[in-house]
């Protein structure tokens, strides 16, 4: 839109680095992706509890919860799904700027959408977690009864049934929740992000020189 050129970002004195120092940890996004029923939300919840026990400031953005508010105007066709992830990516970026560790639990089936979110953030601020679970196992779980409804034609554009899921090719972390327990999966994720949490004390001291 031509009006966009008249929008000028405002600079403020308190920066992301200032907020991170105040919280005493770095901020970044842990992006859980996988089929419905793979364990994304449960795993994100466990990781958040672990981070919270360490005093980290965290927040979970969950697919169902967001669609009850911010994205309740969106459907489940491909264009709506892309917009769903675009909005979440922008929200996650703002929360990282606020100094928060953001955990997201979204099917986010398309590689291009996940790449778009990755590019919104700095290189070390996006951690993709592929919650890898075979479709047949997810269907057996079917905690919400969604696969049954999709098979019956009651839900259209359902990932894994009549809409594709494009598996990550190079995720930072992969957990196979059909083999590992959720507790074991949580430990794998936590160990992988543990080194990202702490602020580099040397950099912090240099800033105070």
N, C-alpha and C. Protein backbone atom coordinates (compact mmCIF):
# COMPACT_ATOMS: atom_id res chain seq x y z
N UNK A 1 0.85 -1.20 0.00
CA UNK A 1 0.00 0.00 0.00
C UNK A 1 0.88 1.24 0.00
N UNK A 2 0.44 2.28 -0.68
CA UNK A 2 1.23 3.51 -0.76
C UNK A 2 1.36 4.17 0.60
N UNK A 3 0.36 3.98 1.50
CA UNK A 3 0.41 4.58 2.82
C UNK A 3 1.57 4.03 3.65
N UNK A 4 2.05 2.82 3.32
CA UNK A 4 3.09 2.17 4.10
C UNK A 4 4.36 3.02 4.15
N UNK A 5 4.64 3.76 3.09
CA UNK A 5 5.88 4.55 3.05
C UNK A 5 5.86 5.70 4.04
N UNK A 6 4.68 6.03 4.57
CA UNK A 6 4.58 7.12 5.54
C UNK A 6 4.69 6.61 6.98
N UNK A 7 4.83 5.29 7.15
CA UNK A 7 4.95 4.71 8.50
C UNK A 7 6.44 4.61 8.83
N UNK A 8 6.84 5.32 9.86
CA UNK A 8 8.25 5.37 10.25
C UNK A 8 8.40 4.73 11.63
N UNK A 9 9.20 3.67 11.74
CA UNK A 9 9.39 3.02 13.04
C UNK A 9 9.94 3.98 14.09
N UNK A 10 9.45 3.87 15.29
CA UNK A 10 9.89 4.72 16.39
C UNK A 10 10.99 4.00 17.19
N UNK A 11 12.05 4.69 17.48
CA UNK A 11 13.12 4.13 18.30
C UNK A 11 12.91 4.52 19.75
N UNK A 12 13.17 3.55 20.65
CA UNK A 12 13.06 3.81 22.08
C UNK A 12 14.39 3.52 22.76
N UNK A 13 14.58 4.07 23.94
CA UNK A 13 15.87 3.97 24.61
C UNK A 13 16.12 2.60 25.22
N UNK A 14 15.07 1.93 25.72
CA UNK A 14 15.22 0.62 26.32
C UNK A 14 15.20 -0.42 25.20
N UNK A 15 16.26 -1.21 25.10
CA UNK A 15 16.42 -2.15 24.00
C UNK A 15 16.15 -3.59 24.44
N UNK A 16 16.15 -4.47 23.47
CA UNK A 16 16.01 -5.90 23.75
C UNK A 16 17.13 -6.37 24.67
N UNK A 17 18.35 -5.91 24.42
CA UNK A 17 19.49 -6.29 25.26
C UNK A 17 19.29 -5.82 26.70
N UNK A 18 18.72 -4.63 26.88
CA UNK A 18 18.44 -4.13 28.22
C UNK A 18 17.44 -5.03 28.94
N UNK A 19 16.42 -5.46 28.21
CA UNK A 19 15.39 -6.30 28.83
C UNK A 19 15.96 -7.67 29.17
N UNK A 20 16.81 -8.20 28.30
CA UNK A 20 17.43 -9.48 28.57
C UNK A 20 18.32 -9.41 29.81
N UNK A 21 19.05 -8.33 29.96
CA UNK A 21 19.88 -8.16 31.16
C UNK A 21 19.01 -8.07 32.41
N UNK A 22 17.89 -7.40 32.30
CA UNK A 22 16.99 -7.29 33.44
C UNK A 22 16.43 -8.65 33.84
N UNK A 23 16.09 -9.45 32.82
CA UNK A 23 15.55 -10.79 33.08
C UNK A 23 16.64 -11.82 33.38
N UNK A 24 17.89 -11.45 33.06
CA UNK A 24 19.05 -12.33 33.28
C UNK A 24 19.03 -13.59 32.41
N UNK A 25 18.43 -13.48 31.25
CA UNK A 25 18.50 -14.57 30.26
C UNK A 25 18.20 -14.01 28.87
N UNK A 26 18.64 -14.74 27.86
CA UNK A 26 18.37 -14.35 26.49
C UNK A 26 16.92 -14.66 26.13
N UNK A 27 16.48 -14.10 25.03
CA UNK A 27 15.12 -14.38 24.55
C UNK A 27 15.20 -14.95 23.14
N UNK A 28 14.33 -15.90 22.87
CA UNK A 28 14.32 -16.56 21.56
C UNK A 28 13.03 -17.35 21.43
N UNK A 29 12.82 -17.95 20.26
CA UNK A 29 11.61 -18.72 19.97
C UNK A 29 11.97 -20.20 19.85
N UNK A 30 11.21 -21.03 20.54
CA UNK A 30 11.29 -22.47 20.36
C UNK A 30 10.02 -22.88 19.62
N UNK A 31 10.17 -23.23 18.36
CA UNK A 31 9.02 -23.44 17.47
C UNK A 31 8.76 -24.95 17.31
N UNK A 32 7.72 -25.44 17.99
CA UNK A 32 7.34 -26.85 17.90
C UNK A 32 6.41 -27.05 16.71
N UNK A 33 6.79 -27.92 15.80
CA UNK A 33 5.97 -28.23 14.63
C UNK A 33 5.78 -29.73 14.51
N UNK A 34 4.61 -30.14 14.05
CA UNK A 34 4.31 -31.56 13.91
C UNK A 34 2.82 -31.77 13.74
N UNK A 35 2.44 -32.99 13.45
CA UNK A 35 1.04 -33.31 13.23
C UNK A 35 0.20 -33.10 14.48
N UNK A 36 -1.10 -32.95 14.28
CA UNK A 36 -2.02 -32.92 15.41
C UNK A 36 -1.91 -34.25 16.15
N UNK A 37 -1.76 -34.19 17.47
CA UNK A 37 -1.64 -35.40 18.25
C UNK A 37 -0.20 -35.88 18.44
N UNK A 38 0.76 -35.14 17.90
CA UNK A 38 2.16 -35.56 18.01
C UNK A 38 2.74 -35.27 19.39
N UNK A 39 2.12 -34.33 20.11
CA UNK A 39 2.58 -33.99 21.45
C UNK A 39 3.18 -32.60 21.57
N UNK A 40 2.94 -31.73 20.60
CA UNK A 40 3.55 -30.39 20.59
C UNK A 40 3.19 -29.59 21.84
N UNK A 41 1.90 -29.47 22.11
CA UNK A 41 1.45 -28.63 23.22
C UNK A 41 1.91 -29.18 24.56
N UNK A 42 1.80 -30.48 24.74
CA UNK A 42 2.23 -31.10 25.99
C UNK A 42 3.72 -30.92 26.19
N UNK A 43 4.48 -31.09 25.13
CA UNK A 43 5.93 -30.94 25.21
C UNK A 43 6.32 -29.49 25.50
N UNK A 44 5.67 -28.55 24.82
CA UNK A 44 5.93 -27.14 25.07
C UNK A 44 5.63 -26.79 26.52
N UNK A 45 4.56 -27.36 27.05
CA UNK A 45 4.17 -27.12 28.44
C UNK A 45 5.24 -27.63 29.40
N UNK A 46 5.78 -28.81 29.13
CA UNK A 46 6.82 -29.38 29.99
C UNK A 46 8.10 -28.56 29.95
N UNK A 47 8.48 -28.13 28.75
CA UNK A 47 9.69 -27.32 28.61
C UNK A 47 9.51 -25.98 29.32
N UNK A 48 8.32 -25.38 29.18
CA UNK A 48 8.07 -24.11 29.85
C UNK A 48 8.17 -24.27 31.37
N UNK A 49 7.61 -25.36 31.89
CA UNK A 49 7.70 -25.58 33.34
C UNK A 49 9.15 -25.66 33.80
N UNK A 50 9.97 -26.34 33.00
CA UNK A 50 11.39 -26.46 33.34
C UNK A 50 12.07 -25.08 33.33
N UNK A 51 11.79 -24.29 32.31
CA UNK A 51 12.37 -22.96 32.21
C UNK A 51 11.87 -22.06 33.34
N UNK A 52 10.59 -22.16 33.64
CA UNK A 52 9.99 -21.34 34.70
C UNK A 52 10.63 -21.65 36.05
N UNK A 53 10.95 -22.92 36.28
CA UNK A 53 11.58 -23.32 37.54
C UNK A 53 12.96 -22.69 37.70
N UNK A 54 13.56 -22.28 36.59
CA UNK A 54 14.86 -21.62 36.62
C UNK A 54 14.74 -20.10 36.70
N UNK A 55 13.50 -19.61 36.74
CA UNK A 55 13.27 -18.17 36.83
C UNK A 55 13.20 -17.47 35.49
N UNK A 56 13.08 -18.23 34.41
CA UNK A 56 13.00 -17.63 33.07
C UNK A 56 11.61 -17.06 32.82
N UNK A 57 11.56 -15.97 32.08
CA UNK A 57 10.30 -15.37 31.66
C UNK A 57 9.89 -16.02 30.34
N UNK A 58 8.76 -16.69 30.33
CA UNK A 58 8.34 -17.49 29.18
C UNK A 58 6.89 -17.22 28.83
N UNK A 59 6.53 -17.64 27.61
CA UNK A 59 5.12 -17.62 27.22
C UNK A 59 4.91 -18.63 26.09
N UNK A 60 3.79 -19.35 26.17
CA UNK A 60 3.43 -20.31 25.12
C UNK A 60 2.36 -19.71 24.21
N UNK A 61 2.62 -19.73 22.92
CA UNK A 61 1.61 -19.40 21.92
C UNK A 61 1.12 -20.73 21.34
N UNK A 62 -0.15 -21.04 21.59
CA UNK A 62 -0.71 -22.32 21.19
C UNK A 62 -1.74 -22.13 20.08
N UNK A 63 -1.74 -23.04 19.13
CA UNK A 63 -2.60 -22.91 17.96
C UNK A 63 -4.07 -22.72 18.29
N UNK A 64 -4.62 -23.59 19.12
CA UNK A 64 -6.04 -23.50 19.46
C UNK A 64 -6.35 -22.22 20.24
N UNK A 65 -5.48 -21.87 21.18
CA UNK A 65 -5.71 -20.68 21.99
C UNK A 65 -5.69 -19.41 21.15
N UNK A 66 -4.74 -19.31 20.23
CA UNK A 66 -4.64 -18.12 19.39
C UNK A 66 -5.84 -17.99 18.46
N UNK A 67 -6.36 -19.11 18.02
CA UNK A 67 -7.52 -19.07 17.12
C UNK A 67 -8.82 -18.72 17.85
N UNK A 68 -8.78 -18.66 19.16
CA UNK A 68 -9.94 -18.19 19.92
C UNK A 68 -9.93 -16.68 20.07
N UNK A 69 -8.81 -16.05 19.72
CA UNK A 69 -8.70 -14.61 19.90
C UNK A 69 -8.13 -13.92 18.68
N UNK A 70 -6.82 -13.72 18.68
CA UNK A 70 -6.15 -12.98 17.63
C UNK A 70 -6.51 -13.45 16.22
N UNK A 71 -6.59 -14.77 16.03
CA UNK A 71 -6.80 -15.32 14.69
C UNK A 71 -8.15 -16.00 14.52
N UNK A 72 -9.14 -15.57 15.28
CA UNK A 72 -10.45 -16.20 15.19
C UNK A 72 -11.17 -15.89 13.88
N UNK A 73 -10.65 -14.92 13.14
CA UNK A 73 -11.26 -14.57 11.85
C UNK A 73 -10.72 -15.42 10.71
N UNK A 74 -9.77 -16.31 10.99
CA UNK A 74 -9.13 -17.10 9.93
C UNK A 74 -9.71 -18.50 9.84
N UNK A 75 -9.75 -19.01 8.60
CA UNK A 75 -10.19 -20.38 8.38
C UNK A 75 -9.01 -21.33 8.32
N UNK A 76 -9.18 -22.44 7.60
CA UNK A 76 -8.12 -23.45 7.53
C UNK A 76 -7.70 -23.77 6.10
N UNK A 77 -8.09 -22.91 5.16
CA UNK A 77 -7.57 -23.06 3.81
C UNK A 77 -6.11 -22.63 3.82
N UNK A 78 -5.41 -22.90 2.73
CA UNK A 78 -3.96 -22.66 2.69
C UNK A 78 -3.61 -21.20 2.94
N UNK A 79 -4.36 -20.28 2.34
CA UNK A 79 -4.07 -18.86 2.51
C UNK A 79 -4.27 -18.44 3.97
N UNK A 80 -5.34 -18.92 4.59
CA UNK A 80 -5.62 -18.58 5.99
C UNK A 80 -4.55 -19.16 6.91
N UNK A 81 -4.09 -20.35 6.59
CA UNK A 81 -3.04 -20.96 7.41
C UNK A 81 -1.74 -20.17 7.31
N UNK A 82 -1.44 -19.71 6.12
CA UNK A 82 -0.24 -18.89 5.95
C UNK A 82 -0.34 -17.60 6.76
N UNK A 83 -1.51 -16.97 6.73
CA UNK A 83 -1.71 -15.74 7.49
C UNK A 83 -1.65 -16.02 8.99
N UNK A 84 -2.18 -17.16 9.40
CA UNK A 84 -2.13 -17.57 10.81
C UNK A 84 -0.68 -17.59 11.30
N UNK A 85 0.18 -18.23 10.53
CA UNK A 85 1.58 -18.34 10.93
C UNK A 85 2.30 -17.00 10.82
N UNK A 86 1.95 -16.22 9.80
CA UNK A 86 2.58 -14.89 9.66
C UNK A 86 2.31 -14.04 10.89
N UNK A 87 1.06 -14.02 11.33
CA UNK A 87 0.71 -13.22 12.51
C UNK A 87 1.44 -13.73 13.75
N UNK A 88 1.47 -15.04 13.92
CA UNK A 88 2.14 -15.61 15.08
C UNK A 88 3.63 -15.28 15.04
N UNK A 89 4.22 -15.33 13.85
CA UNK A 89 5.62 -14.97 13.72
C UNK A 89 5.88 -13.54 14.17
N UNK A 90 5.01 -12.63 13.78
CA UNK A 90 5.18 -11.22 14.17
C UNK A 90 4.99 -11.04 15.67
N UNK A 91 4.02 -11.75 16.25
CA UNK A 91 3.80 -11.67 17.70
C UNK A 91 5.02 -12.24 18.43
N UNK A 92 5.52 -13.37 17.96
CA UNK A 92 6.69 -13.99 18.58
C UNK A 92 7.88 -13.05 18.52
N UNK A 93 8.05 -12.38 17.41
CA UNK A 93 9.16 -11.42 17.26
C UNK A 93 9.05 -10.30 18.30
N UNK A 94 7.84 -9.78 18.50
CA UNK A 94 7.63 -8.73 19.49
C UNK A 94 7.96 -9.23 20.90
N UNK A 95 7.57 -10.47 21.18
CA UNK A 95 7.80 -11.02 22.51
C UNK A 95 9.28 -11.28 22.75
N UNK A 96 9.99 -11.69 21.71
CA UNK A 96 11.44 -11.84 21.83
C UNK A 96 12.07 -10.47 22.11
N UNK A 97 11.59 -9.44 21.44
CA UNK A 97 12.09 -8.09 21.68
C UNK A 97 11.81 -7.66 23.11
N UNK A 98 10.71 -8.19 23.68
CA UNK A 98 10.36 -7.87 25.07
C UNK A 98 11.20 -8.66 26.07
N UNK A 99 12.05 -9.57 25.57
CA UNK A 99 12.94 -10.31 26.44
C UNK A 99 12.40 -11.65 26.90
N UNK A 100 11.34 -12.11 26.27
CA UNK A 100 10.66 -13.34 26.69
C UNK A 100 11.12 -14.53 25.85
N UNK A 101 11.25 -15.70 26.48
CA UNK A 101 11.46 -16.95 25.75
C UNK A 101 10.09 -17.44 25.30
N UNK A 102 9.88 -17.53 24.01
CA UNK A 102 8.58 -17.88 23.45
C UNK A 102 8.58 -19.33 22.97
N UNK A 103 7.60 -20.08 23.40
CA UNK A 103 7.42 -21.44 22.90
C UNK A 103 6.12 -21.47 22.11
N UNK A 104 6.17 -22.00 20.90
CA UNK A 104 4.97 -22.05 20.08
C UNK A 104 4.61 -23.49 19.75
N UNK A 105 3.32 -23.78 19.75
CA UNK A 105 2.84 -25.12 19.42
C UNK A 105 1.83 -25.00 18.29
N UNK A 106 2.32 -25.12 17.07
CA UNK A 106 1.50 -25.00 15.87
C UNK A 106 1.84 -26.13 14.90
N UNK A 107 0.86 -26.68 14.25
CA UNK A 107 1.15 -27.67 13.21
C UNK A 107 2.09 -27.05 12.20
N UNK A 108 1.80 -25.81 11.80
CA UNK A 108 2.61 -25.06 10.82
C UNK A 108 3.14 -26.00 9.73
N UNK A 109 2.25 -26.50 8.88
CA UNK A 109 2.59 -27.60 7.97
C UNK A 109 3.50 -27.25 6.81
N UNK A 110 3.65 -25.96 6.48
CA UNK A 110 4.38 -25.60 5.26
C UNK A 110 5.78 -25.07 5.58
N UNK A 111 6.77 -25.61 4.89
CA UNK A 111 8.16 -25.20 5.12
C UNK A 111 8.35 -23.70 4.86
N UNK A 112 7.70 -23.18 3.83
CA UNK A 112 7.88 -21.77 3.48
C UNK A 112 7.41 -20.86 4.61
N UNK A 113 6.35 -21.26 5.31
CA UNK A 113 5.84 -20.45 6.42
C UNK A 113 6.81 -20.48 7.60
N UNK A 114 7.34 -21.65 7.89
CA UNK A 114 8.31 -21.75 8.98
C UNK A 114 9.59 -20.98 8.65
N UNK A 115 9.99 -21.01 7.39
CA UNK A 115 11.17 -20.26 6.96
C UNK A 115 10.92 -18.76 7.08
N UNK A 116 9.70 -18.35 6.78
CA UNK A 116 9.34 -16.93 6.90
C UNK A 116 9.50 -16.46 8.35
N UNK A 117 9.05 -17.29 9.30
CA UNK A 117 9.20 -16.92 10.71
C UNK A 117 10.67 -16.88 11.09
N UNK A 118 11.43 -17.87 10.63
CA UNK A 118 12.87 -17.89 10.92
C UNK A 118 13.53 -16.60 10.46
N UNK A 119 13.15 -16.11 9.28
CA UNK A 119 13.78 -14.92 8.72
C UNK A 119 13.35 -13.64 9.41
N UNK A 120 12.26 -13.68 10.17
CA UNK A 120 11.84 -12.52 10.94
C UNK A 120 12.77 -12.26 12.12
N UNK A 121 13.45 -13.32 12.56
CA UNK A 121 14.25 -13.26 13.77
C UNK A 121 15.73 -13.29 13.44
N UNK A 122 16.55 -12.99 14.43
CA UNK A 122 17.99 -13.12 14.24
C UNK A 122 18.35 -14.60 14.19
N UNK A 123 19.52 -14.88 13.66
CA UNK A 123 19.91 -16.26 13.37
C UNK A 123 19.86 -17.17 14.59
N UNK A 124 20.18 -16.63 15.77
CA UNK A 124 20.22 -17.46 16.98
C UNK A 124 18.94 -17.37 17.80
N UNK A 125 17.90 -16.80 17.22
CA UNK A 125 16.66 -16.59 17.97
C UNK A 125 15.52 -17.53 17.57
N UNK A 126 15.81 -18.46 16.69
CA UNK A 126 14.76 -19.39 16.23
C UNK A 126 15.28 -20.81 16.35
N UNK A 127 14.58 -21.62 17.13
CA UNK A 127 14.94 -23.03 17.32
C UNK A 127 13.74 -23.87 16.88
N UNK A 128 13.92 -24.59 15.79
CA UNK A 128 12.82 -25.41 15.27
C UNK A 128 12.88 -26.81 15.87
N UNK A 129 11.77 -27.23 16.46
CA UNK A 129 11.67 -28.56 17.06
C UNK A 129 10.65 -29.37 16.27
N UNK A 130 11.12 -30.39 15.59
CA UNK A 130 10.24 -31.28 14.84
C UNK A 130 9.75 -32.37 15.78
N UNK A 131 8.48 -32.28 16.16
CA UNK A 131 7.87 -33.31 17.00
C UNK A 131 7.39 -34.40 16.05
N UNK A 132 8.24 -35.35 15.84
CA UNK A 132 8.05 -36.34 14.78
C UNK A 132 7.29 -37.55 15.31
N UNK A 133 6.09 -37.74 14.79
CA UNK A 133 5.26 -38.86 15.20
C UNK A 133 4.47 -39.33 13.98
N UNK A 134 4.51 -40.62 13.65
CA UNK A 134 3.81 -41.10 12.46
C UNK A 134 2.31 -40.81 12.51
N UNK A 135 1.74 -40.59 11.34
CA UNK A 135 0.32 -40.29 11.24
C UNK A 135 -0.53 -41.34 11.92
N UNK A 136 -0.19 -42.64 11.72
CA UNK A 136 -1.03 -43.69 12.29
C UNK A 136 -1.03 -43.65 13.82
N UNK A 137 0.09 -43.25 14.41
CA UNK A 137 0.14 -43.14 15.88
C UNK A 137 -0.68 -41.94 16.34
N UNK A 138 -0.56 -40.83 15.62
CA UNK A 138 -1.35 -39.64 15.96
C UNK A 138 -2.84 -39.94 15.86
N UNK A 139 -3.21 -40.71 14.85
CA UNK A 139 -4.62 -41.08 14.69
C UNK A 139 -5.09 -41.99 15.81
N UNK A 140 -4.23 -42.88 16.25
CA UNK A 140 -4.59 -43.77 17.37
C UNK A 140 -4.83 -42.96 18.64
N UNK A 141 -4.03 -41.94 18.82
CA UNK A 141 -4.21 -41.08 20.00
C UNK A 141 -5.49 -40.27 19.86
N UNK A 142 -5.57 -39.51 18.79
CA UNK A 142 -6.76 -38.71 18.44
C UNK A 142 -7.46 -38.15 19.67
N UNK A 143 -6.68 -37.47 20.51
CA UNK A 143 -7.19 -36.98 21.79
C UNK A 143 -8.42 -36.10 21.61
N UNK A 144 -8.45 -35.30 20.57
CA UNK A 144 -9.56 -34.36 20.37
C UNK A 144 -10.62 -34.90 19.40
N UNK A 145 -10.42 -36.10 18.89
CA UNK A 145 -11.39 -36.68 17.97
C UNK A 145 -11.39 -36.03 16.59
N UNK A 146 -10.32 -35.32 16.26
CA UNK A 146 -10.29 -34.55 15.02
C UNK A 146 -10.04 -35.43 13.80
N UNK A 147 -9.17 -36.44 13.95
CA UNK A 147 -8.91 -37.31 12.81
C UNK A 147 -10.17 -38.07 12.40
N UNK A 148 -10.91 -38.51 13.37
CA UNK A 148 -12.16 -39.23 13.09
C UNK A 148 -13.12 -38.34 12.32
N UNK A 149 -13.21 -37.10 12.74
CA UNK A 149 -14.09 -36.15 12.04
C UNK A 149 -13.57 -35.86 10.63
N UNK A 150 -12.24 -35.74 10.50
CA UNK A 150 -11.65 -35.47 9.18
C UNK A 150 -11.88 -36.65 8.25
N UNK A 151 -11.72 -37.87 8.74
CA UNK A 151 -11.96 -39.07 7.93
C UNK A 151 -13.42 -39.16 7.50
N UNK A 152 -14.31 -38.64 8.33
CA UNK A 152 -15.74 -38.66 8.02
C UNK A 152 -16.16 -37.49 7.14
N UNK A 153 -15.22 -36.61 6.80
CA UNK A 153 -15.53 -35.48 5.94
C UNK A 153 -16.12 -34.30 6.66
N UNK A 154 -16.12 -34.35 8.00
CA UNK A 154 -16.71 -33.26 8.78
C UNK A 154 -15.74 -32.08 8.92
N UNK A 155 -14.44 -32.34 8.77
CA UNK A 155 -13.43 -31.29 8.81
C UNK A 155 -12.65 -31.34 7.49
N UNK A 156 -12.58 -30.21 6.83
CA UNK A 156 -11.86 -30.14 5.56
C UNK A 156 -10.46 -29.54 5.78
N UNK A 157 -9.56 -29.81 4.84
CA UNK A 157 -8.20 -29.28 4.87
C UNK A 157 -7.48 -29.64 6.16
N UNK A 158 -7.65 -30.90 6.58
CA UNK A 158 -7.03 -31.34 7.82
C UNK A 158 -5.66 -31.95 7.51
N UNK A 159 -4.64 -31.42 8.19
CA UNK A 159 -3.27 -31.85 7.92
C UNK A 159 -3.09 -33.35 8.16
N UNK A 160 -2.51 -33.99 7.16
CA UNK A 160 -2.28 -35.43 7.24
C UNK A 160 -3.36 -36.25 6.58
N UNK A 161 -4.53 -35.63 6.39
CA UNK A 161 -5.65 -36.34 5.76
C UNK A 161 -5.89 -35.81 4.35
N UNK A 162 -6.33 -34.57 4.23
CA UNK A 162 -6.52 -34.00 2.90
C UNK A 162 -5.74 -32.70 2.71
N UNK A 163 -4.76 -32.49 3.57
CA UNK A 163 -3.84 -31.36 3.43
C UNK A 163 -2.46 -31.85 3.86
N UNK A 164 -1.42 -31.48 3.13
CA UNK A 164 -0.09 -32.06 3.40
C UNK A 164 0.61 -31.48 4.62
N UNK A 165 1.52 -32.25 5.17
CA UNK A 165 2.47 -31.75 6.17
C UNK A 165 3.86 -31.91 5.59
N UNK A 166 4.56 -30.78 5.46
CA UNK A 166 5.91 -30.79 4.90
C UNK A 166 6.92 -30.87 6.05
N UNK A 167 7.47 -32.05 6.24
CA UNK A 167 8.38 -32.27 7.36
C UNK A 167 9.61 -31.38 7.26
N UNK A 168 10.11 -30.87 8.39
CA UNK A 168 11.36 -30.09 8.37
C UNK A 168 12.50 -30.93 7.82
N UNK A 169 13.36 -30.32 7.04
CA UNK A 169 14.51 -31.04 6.49
C UNK A 169 15.75 -30.89 7.37
N UNK A 170 15.85 -29.75 8.06
CA UNK A 170 17.01 -29.52 8.93
C UNK A 170 16.60 -28.81 10.22
N UNK A 171 15.74 -29.44 11.01
CA UNK A 171 15.36 -28.80 12.28
C UNK A 171 16.53 -28.78 13.25
N UNK A 172 16.55 -27.81 14.13
CA UNK A 172 17.60 -27.79 15.16
C UNK A 172 17.45 -29.00 16.09
N UNK A 173 16.21 -29.40 16.33
CA UNK A 173 15.94 -30.51 17.25
C UNK A 173 14.85 -31.40 16.65
N UNK A 174 15.01 -32.70 16.80
CA UNK A 174 13.97 -33.64 16.40
C UNK A 174 13.74 -34.61 17.54
N UNK A 175 12.47 -34.79 17.92
CA UNK A 175 12.12 -35.77 18.94
C UNK A 175 11.04 -36.69 18.37
N UNK A 176 11.22 -37.98 18.55
CA UNK A 176 10.28 -38.97 18.03
C UNK A 176 9.39 -39.44 19.17
N UNK A 177 8.23 -38.82 19.26
CA UNK A 177 7.37 -39.06 20.43
C UNK A 177 6.61 -40.38 20.36
N UNK A 178 6.77 -41.13 19.28
CA UNK A 178 6.22 -42.48 19.25
C UNK A 178 7.19 -43.48 19.90
N UNK A 179 8.43 -43.06 20.06
CA UNK A 179 9.47 -43.91 20.65
C UNK A 179 9.85 -43.42 22.04
N UNK A 180 10.01 -42.11 22.17
CA UNK A 180 10.43 -41.51 23.44
C UNK A 180 9.23 -41.10 24.27
N UNK A 181 9.39 -41.12 25.58
CA UNK A 181 8.36 -40.57 26.46
C UNK A 181 8.40 -39.05 26.35
N UNK A 182 7.35 -38.40 26.79
CA UNK A 182 7.33 -36.93 26.76
C UNK A 182 8.41 -36.37 27.68
N UNK A 183 8.66 -37.03 28.79
CA UNK A 183 9.70 -36.57 29.71
C UNK A 183 11.07 -36.66 29.04
N UNK A 184 11.33 -37.76 28.34
CA UNK A 184 12.60 -37.91 27.62
C UNK A 184 12.72 -36.86 26.52
N UNK A 185 11.61 -36.62 25.83
CA UNK A 185 11.60 -35.61 24.76
C UNK A 185 11.88 -34.23 25.33
N UNK A 186 11.27 -33.93 26.48
CA UNK A 186 11.49 -32.64 27.12
C UNK A 186 12.97 -32.45 27.45
N UNK A 187 13.61 -33.50 27.97
CA UNK A 187 15.02 -33.40 28.34
C UNK A 187 15.88 -33.12 27.11
N UNK A 188 15.55 -33.73 25.98
CA UNK A 188 16.31 -33.49 24.75
C UNK A 188 16.19 -32.03 24.33
N UNK A 189 14.97 -31.50 24.37
CA UNK A 189 14.77 -30.10 23.98
C UNK A 189 15.48 -29.17 24.95
N UNK A 190 15.30 -29.43 26.25
CA UNK A 190 15.90 -28.54 27.25
C UNK A 190 17.42 -28.53 27.15
N UNK A 191 18.02 -29.70 27.00
CA UNK A 191 19.47 -29.77 26.90
C UNK A 191 19.98 -29.02 25.67
N UNK A 192 19.18 -29.06 24.59
CA UNK A 192 19.59 -28.40 23.35
C UNK A 192 19.53 -26.88 23.45
N UNK A 193 18.62 -26.35 24.26
CA UNK A 193 18.46 -24.89 24.36
C UNK A 193 19.13 -24.31 25.60
N UNK A 194 19.63 -25.17 26.47
CA UNK A 194 20.16 -24.71 27.75
C UNK A 194 21.27 -23.67 27.58
N UNK A 195 22.17 -23.91 26.64
CA UNK A 195 23.29 -22.98 26.43
C UNK A 195 22.85 -21.65 25.85
N UNK A 196 21.65 -21.61 25.26
CA UNK A 196 21.16 -20.37 24.66
C UNK A 196 20.57 -19.42 25.71
N UNK A 197 20.27 -19.96 26.88
CA UNK A 197 19.51 -19.19 27.86
C UNK A 197 20.34 -18.09 28.51
N UNK A 198 21.56 -18.44 28.94
CA UNK A 198 22.35 -17.52 29.74
C UNK A 198 22.98 -16.42 28.90
N UNK A 199 22.96 -15.22 29.44
CA UNK A 199 23.62 -14.09 28.81
C UNK A 199 25.13 -14.23 28.98
N UNK A 200 25.88 -13.92 27.95
CA UNK A 200 27.35 -13.99 28.01
C UNK A 200 27.85 -12.92 28.98
N UNK A 201 28.43 -13.38 30.10
CA UNK A 201 28.87 -12.44 31.14
C UNK A 201 29.97 -11.51 30.63
N UNK A 202 30.81 -12.01 29.74
CA UNK A 202 31.89 -11.18 29.20
C UNK A 202 31.32 -10.03 28.41
N UNK A 203 30.30 -10.33 27.57
CA UNK A 203 29.65 -9.25 26.81
C UNK A 203 28.99 -8.26 27.75
N UNK A 204 28.36 -8.82 28.81
CA UNK A 204 27.68 -7.97 29.79
C UNK A 204 28.66 -7.02 30.48
N UNK A 205 29.84 -7.55 30.85
CA UNK A 205 30.85 -6.73 31.51
C UNK A 205 31.40 -5.66 30.58
N UNK A 206 31.58 -6.05 29.29
CA UNK A 206 32.07 -5.08 28.31
C UNK A 206 31.12 -3.93 28.14
N UNK A 207 29.80 -4.24 28.21
CA UNK A 207 28.81 -3.19 28.06
C UNK A 207 28.88 -2.19 29.22
N UNK A 208 29.41 -2.65 30.36
CA UNK A 208 29.46 -1.78 31.54
C UNK A 208 30.78 -1.01 31.65
N UNK A 209 31.70 -1.23 30.71
CA UNK A 209 33.00 -0.54 30.77
C UNK A 209 32.84 0.96 30.51
